[in-house]
Amino acid sequence: MTPAVGEVTAVDAARAATDDSVLLLDVREDDEWAAGHAPGALHMPLSALDAAAVPSDRPVVAVCRSGNRSGQAAAVLAVAGVDVVNMTGGMKAWSQAGLPVVTDDGRQGEIA
């Protein structure tokens, strides 16, 4: 049986990530990540998700574009024993909330 996975809003995830009390795990594909992501997020595409490679020093917030793929990732991670929640609305909600979106070189990013 798959453990139930909780959810968190983009605003609450951003607040927790600011003080490093959670790890934002972005499971979008490389091109989506390159266009823009949350500052400080860790990138691990869903297609390459490895629960053993996910840091376990703090709770994880799984993130994708809309919340669907991150929900799948969160379910996989929960089965592996990771303390994880899914960010509802994904990076679309993050961007719509006016939260920062950056590229790897620190420029302003975008969410398509």
C-alpha atoms as a PDB file:
ATOM      1  CA  MET A   1       0.000   0.000   0.000  1.00  0.00           C
ATOM      2  CA  THR A   2       1.294   3.431  -0.963  1.00  0.00           C
ATOM      3  CA  PRO A   3       1.645   5.887   1.938  1.00  0.00           C
ATOM      4  CA  ALA A   4      -0.529   9.005   1.749  1.00  0.00           C
ATOM      5  CA  VAL A   5       1.410  12.046   0.572  1.00  0.00           C
ATOM      6  CA  GLY A   6       0.606  15.470   1.970  1.00  0.00           C
ATOM      7  CA  GLU A   7       0.441  18.677  -0.013  1.00  0.00           C
ATOM      8  CA  VAL A   8       1.766  22.184   0.482  1.00  0.00           C
ATOM      9  CA  THR A   9       1.115  25.442  -1.365  1.00  0.00           C
ATOM     10  CA  ALA A  10       3.820  27.254  -3.299  1.00  0.00           C
ATOM     11  CA  VAL A  11       3.798  30.112  -0.776  1.00  0.00           C
ATOM     12  CA  ASP A  12       4.234  27.747   2.162  1.00  0.00           C
ATOM     13  CA  ALA A  13       6.960  25.818   0.334  1.00  0.00           C
ATOM     14  CA  ALA A  14       8.813  29.053  -0.443  1.00  0.00           C
ATOM     15  CA  ARG A  15       8.570  30.167   3.177  1.00  0.00           C
ATOM     16  CA  ALA A  16       9.999  26.860   4.425  1.00  0.00           C
ATOM     17  CA  ALA A  17      12.714  26.798   1.765  1.00  0.00           C
ATOM     18  CA  THR A  18      13.875  30.291   2.745  1.00  0.00           C
ATOM     19  CA  ASP A  19      15.197  29.034   6.072  1.00  0.00           C
ATOM     20  CA  ASP A  20      16.375  25.700   4.604  1.00  0.00           C
ATOM     21  CA  SER A  21      13.886  23.689   6.650  1.00  0.00           C
ATOM     22  CA  VAL A  22      12.839  21.833   3.475  1.00  0.00           C
ATOM     23  CA  LEU A  23      14.499  20.743   0.248  1.00  0.00           C
ATOM     24  CA  LEU A  24      12.735  21.737  -2.973  1.00  0.00           C
ATOM     25  CA  LEU A  25      13.146  18.808  -5.382  1.00  0.00           C
ATOM     26  CA  ASP A  26      12.308  19.842  -8.944  1.00  0.00           C
ATOM     27  CA  VAL A  27      11.404  16.777 -11.023  1.00  0.00           C
ATOM     28  CA  ARG A  28      10.782  18.578 -14.332  1.00  0.00           C
ATOM     29  CA  GLU A  29      12.772  17.771 -17.456  1.00  0.00           C
ATOM     30  CA  ASP A  30      16.056  19.502 -18.310  1.00  0.00           C
ATOM     31  CA  ASP A  31      14.571  22.066 -20.705  1.00  0.00           C
ATOM     32  CA  GLU A  32      11.927  23.117 -18.174  1.00  0.00           C
ATOM     33  CA  TRP A  33      14.561  23.460 -15.444  1.00  0.00           C
ATOM     34  CA  ALA A  34      16.849  25.487 -17.730  1.00  0.00           C
ATOM     35  CA  ALA A  35      14.047  27.957 -18.531  1.00  0.00           C
ATOM     36  CA  GLY A  36      13.536  28.726 -14.841  1.00  0.00           C
ATOM     37  CA  HIS A  37      13.310  27.176 -11.397  1.00  0.00           C
ATOM     38  CA  ALA A  38      13.020  28.078  -7.738  1.00  0.00           C
ATOM     39  CA  PRO A  39      16.261  29.388  -6.228  1.00  0.00           C
ATOM     40  CA  GLY A  40      18.061  26.717  -4.232  1.00  0.00           C
ATOM     41  CA  ALA A  41      16.042  23.824  -5.664  1.00  0.00           C
ATOM     42  CA  LEU A  42      17.674  20.493  -6.467  1.00  0.00           C
ATOM     43  CA  HIS A  43      17.013  19.169  -9.976  1.00  0.00           C
ATOM     44  CA  MET A  44      16.334  15.463 -10.494  1.00  0.00           C
ATOM     45  CA  PRO A  45      14.009  14.734 -13.439  1.00  0.00           C
ATOM     46  CA  LEU A  46      11.229  12.251 -12.745  1.00  0.00           C
ATOM     47  CA  SER A  47      12.669  10.033 -15.486  1.00  0.00           C
ATOM     48  CA  ALA A  48      15.896   9.753 -13.468  1.00  0.00           C
ATOM     49  CA  LEU A  49      14.438   9.853  -9.954  1.00  0.00           C
ATOM     50  CA  ASP A  50      16.581   7.920  -7.486  1.00  0.00           C
ATOM     51  CA  ALA A  51      15.222   7.950  -3.941  1.00  0.00           C
ATOM     52  CA  ALA A  52      18.618   6.901  -2.577  1.00  0.00           C
ATOM     53  CA  ALA A  53      20.187  10.039  -4.086  1.00  0.00           C
ATOM     54  CA  VAL A  54      17.703  12.416  -2.464  1.00  0.00           C
ATOM     55  CA  PRO A  55      19.237  14.103   0.589  1.00  0.00           C
ATOM     56  CA  SER A  56      17.526  12.915   3.781  1.00  0.00           C
ATOM     57  CA  ASP A  57      18.647  15.689   6.146  1.00  0.00           C
ATOM     58  CA  ARG A  58      15.307  17.536   5.917  1.00  0.00           C
ATOM     59  CA  PRO A  59      11.782  17.089   4.539  1.00  0.00           C
ATOM     60  CA  VAL A  60      11.392  17.211   0.755  1.00  0.00           C
ATOM     61  CA  VAL A  61       8.898  19.229  -1.270  1.00  0.00           C
ATOM     62  CA  ALA A  62       8.444  17.663  -4.719  1.00  0.00           C
ATOM     63  CA  VAL A  63       7.935  20.252  -7.476  1.00  0.00           C
ATOM     64  CA  CYS A  64       7.011  20.085 -11.175  1.00  0.00           C
ATOM     65  CA  ARG A  65       5.184  22.351 -13.608  1.00  0.00           C
ATOM     66  CA  SER A  66       1.624  21.765 -12.419  1.00  0.00           C
ATOM     67  CA  GLY A  67       1.785  19.274  -9.542  1.00  0.00           C
ATOM     68  CA  ASN A  68       1.105  16.035 -11.440  1.00  0.00           C
ATOM     69  CA  ARG A  69       4.604  14.652 -11.990  1.00  0.00           C
ATOM     70  CA  SER A  70       5.697  15.836  -8.561  1.00  0.00           C
ATOM     71  CA  GLY A  71       2.774  13.895  -7.105  1.00  0.00           C
ATOM     72  CA  GLN A  72       4.096  10.776  -8.813  1.00  0.00           C
ATOM     73  CA  ALA A  73       7.600  11.507  -7.544  1.00  0.00           C
ATOM     74  CA  ALA A  74       6.332  12.131  -4.021  1.00  0.00           C
ATOM     75  CA  ALA A  75       4.533   8.774  -4.031  1.00  0.00           C
ATOM     76  CA  VAL A  76       7.708   6.960  -5.114  1.00  0.00           C
ATOM     77  CA  LEU A  77       9.774   8.787  -2.502  1.00  0.00           C
ATOM     78  CA  ALA A  78       7.230   8.120   0.256  1.00  0.00           C
ATOM     79  CA  VAL A  79       7.360   4.382  -0.474  1.00  0.00           C
ATOM     80  CA  ALA A  80      11.155   4.624  -0.122  1.00  0.00           C
ATOM     81  CA  GLY A  81      10.731   6.217   3.310  1.00  0.00           C
ATOM     82  CA  VAL A  82      11.470   9.824   2.356  1.00  0.00           C
ATOM     83  CA  ASP A  83       9.634  12.536   4.340  1.00  0.00           C
ATOM     84  CA  VAL A  84       7.972  14.201   1.334  1.00  0.00           C
ATOM     85  CA  VAL A  85       5.039  16.395   0.327  1.00  0.00           C
ATOM     86  CA  ASN A  86       3.808  17.537  -3.076  1.00  0.00           C
ATOM     87  CA  MET A  87       3.646  21.234  -3.987  1.00  0.00           C
ATOM     88  CA  THR A  88       0.153  21.875  -5.373  1.00  0.00           C
ATOM     89  CA  GLY A  89      -0.021  23.842  -8.592  1.00  0.00           C
ATOM     90  CA  GLY A  90       3.690  23.356  -9.250  1.00  0.00           C
ATOM     91  CA  MET A  91       5.947  26.041 -10.668  1.00  0.00           C
ATOM     92  CA  LYS A  92       2.946  27.609 -12.397  1.00  0.00           C
ATOM     93  CA  ALA A  93       1.503  28.415  -8.945  1.00  0.00           C
ATOM     94  CA  TRP A  94       4.956  29.471  -7.716  1.00  0.00           C
ATOM     95  CA  SER A  95       5.314  31.961 -10.561  1.00  0.00           C
ATOM     96  CA  GLN A  96       1.715  33.200 -10.256  1.00  0.00           C
ATOM     97  CA  ALA A  97       2.365  33.904  -6.558  1.00  0.00           C
ATOM     98  CA  GLY A  98       5.176  36.262  -7.590  1.00  0.00           C
ATOM     99  CA  LEU A  99       7.888  34.036  -6.127  1.00  0.00           C
ATOM    100  CA  PRO A 100      11.378  34.184  -7.671  1.00  0.00           C
ATOM    101  CA  VAL A 101      12.206  32.124 -10.743  1.00  0.00           C
ATOM    102  CA  VAL A 102      15.851  31.964 -11.835  1.00  0.00           C
ATOM    103  CA  THR A 103      18.083  30.288 -14.391  1.00  0.00           C
ATOM    104  CA  ASP A 104      21.293  28.453 -13.499  1.00  0.00           C
ATOM    105  CA  ASP A 105      23.307  31.621 -14.107  1.00  0.00           C
ATOM    106  CA  GLY A 106      21.094  33.661 -11.787  1.00  0.00           C
ATOM    107  CA  ARG A 107      19.113  35.561 -14.418  1.00  0.00           C
ATOM    108  CA  GLN A 108      15.340  35.960 -14.282  1.00  0.00           C
ATOM    109  CA  GLY A 109      13.751  32.707 -15.455  1.00  0.00           C
ATOM    110  CA  GLU A 110      10.308  31.898 -16.758  1.00  0.00           C
ATOM    111  CA  ILE A 111       7.747  29.151 -16.422  1.00  0.00           C
ATOM    112  CA  ALA A 112       6.026  28.210 -19.685  1.00  0.00           C
END
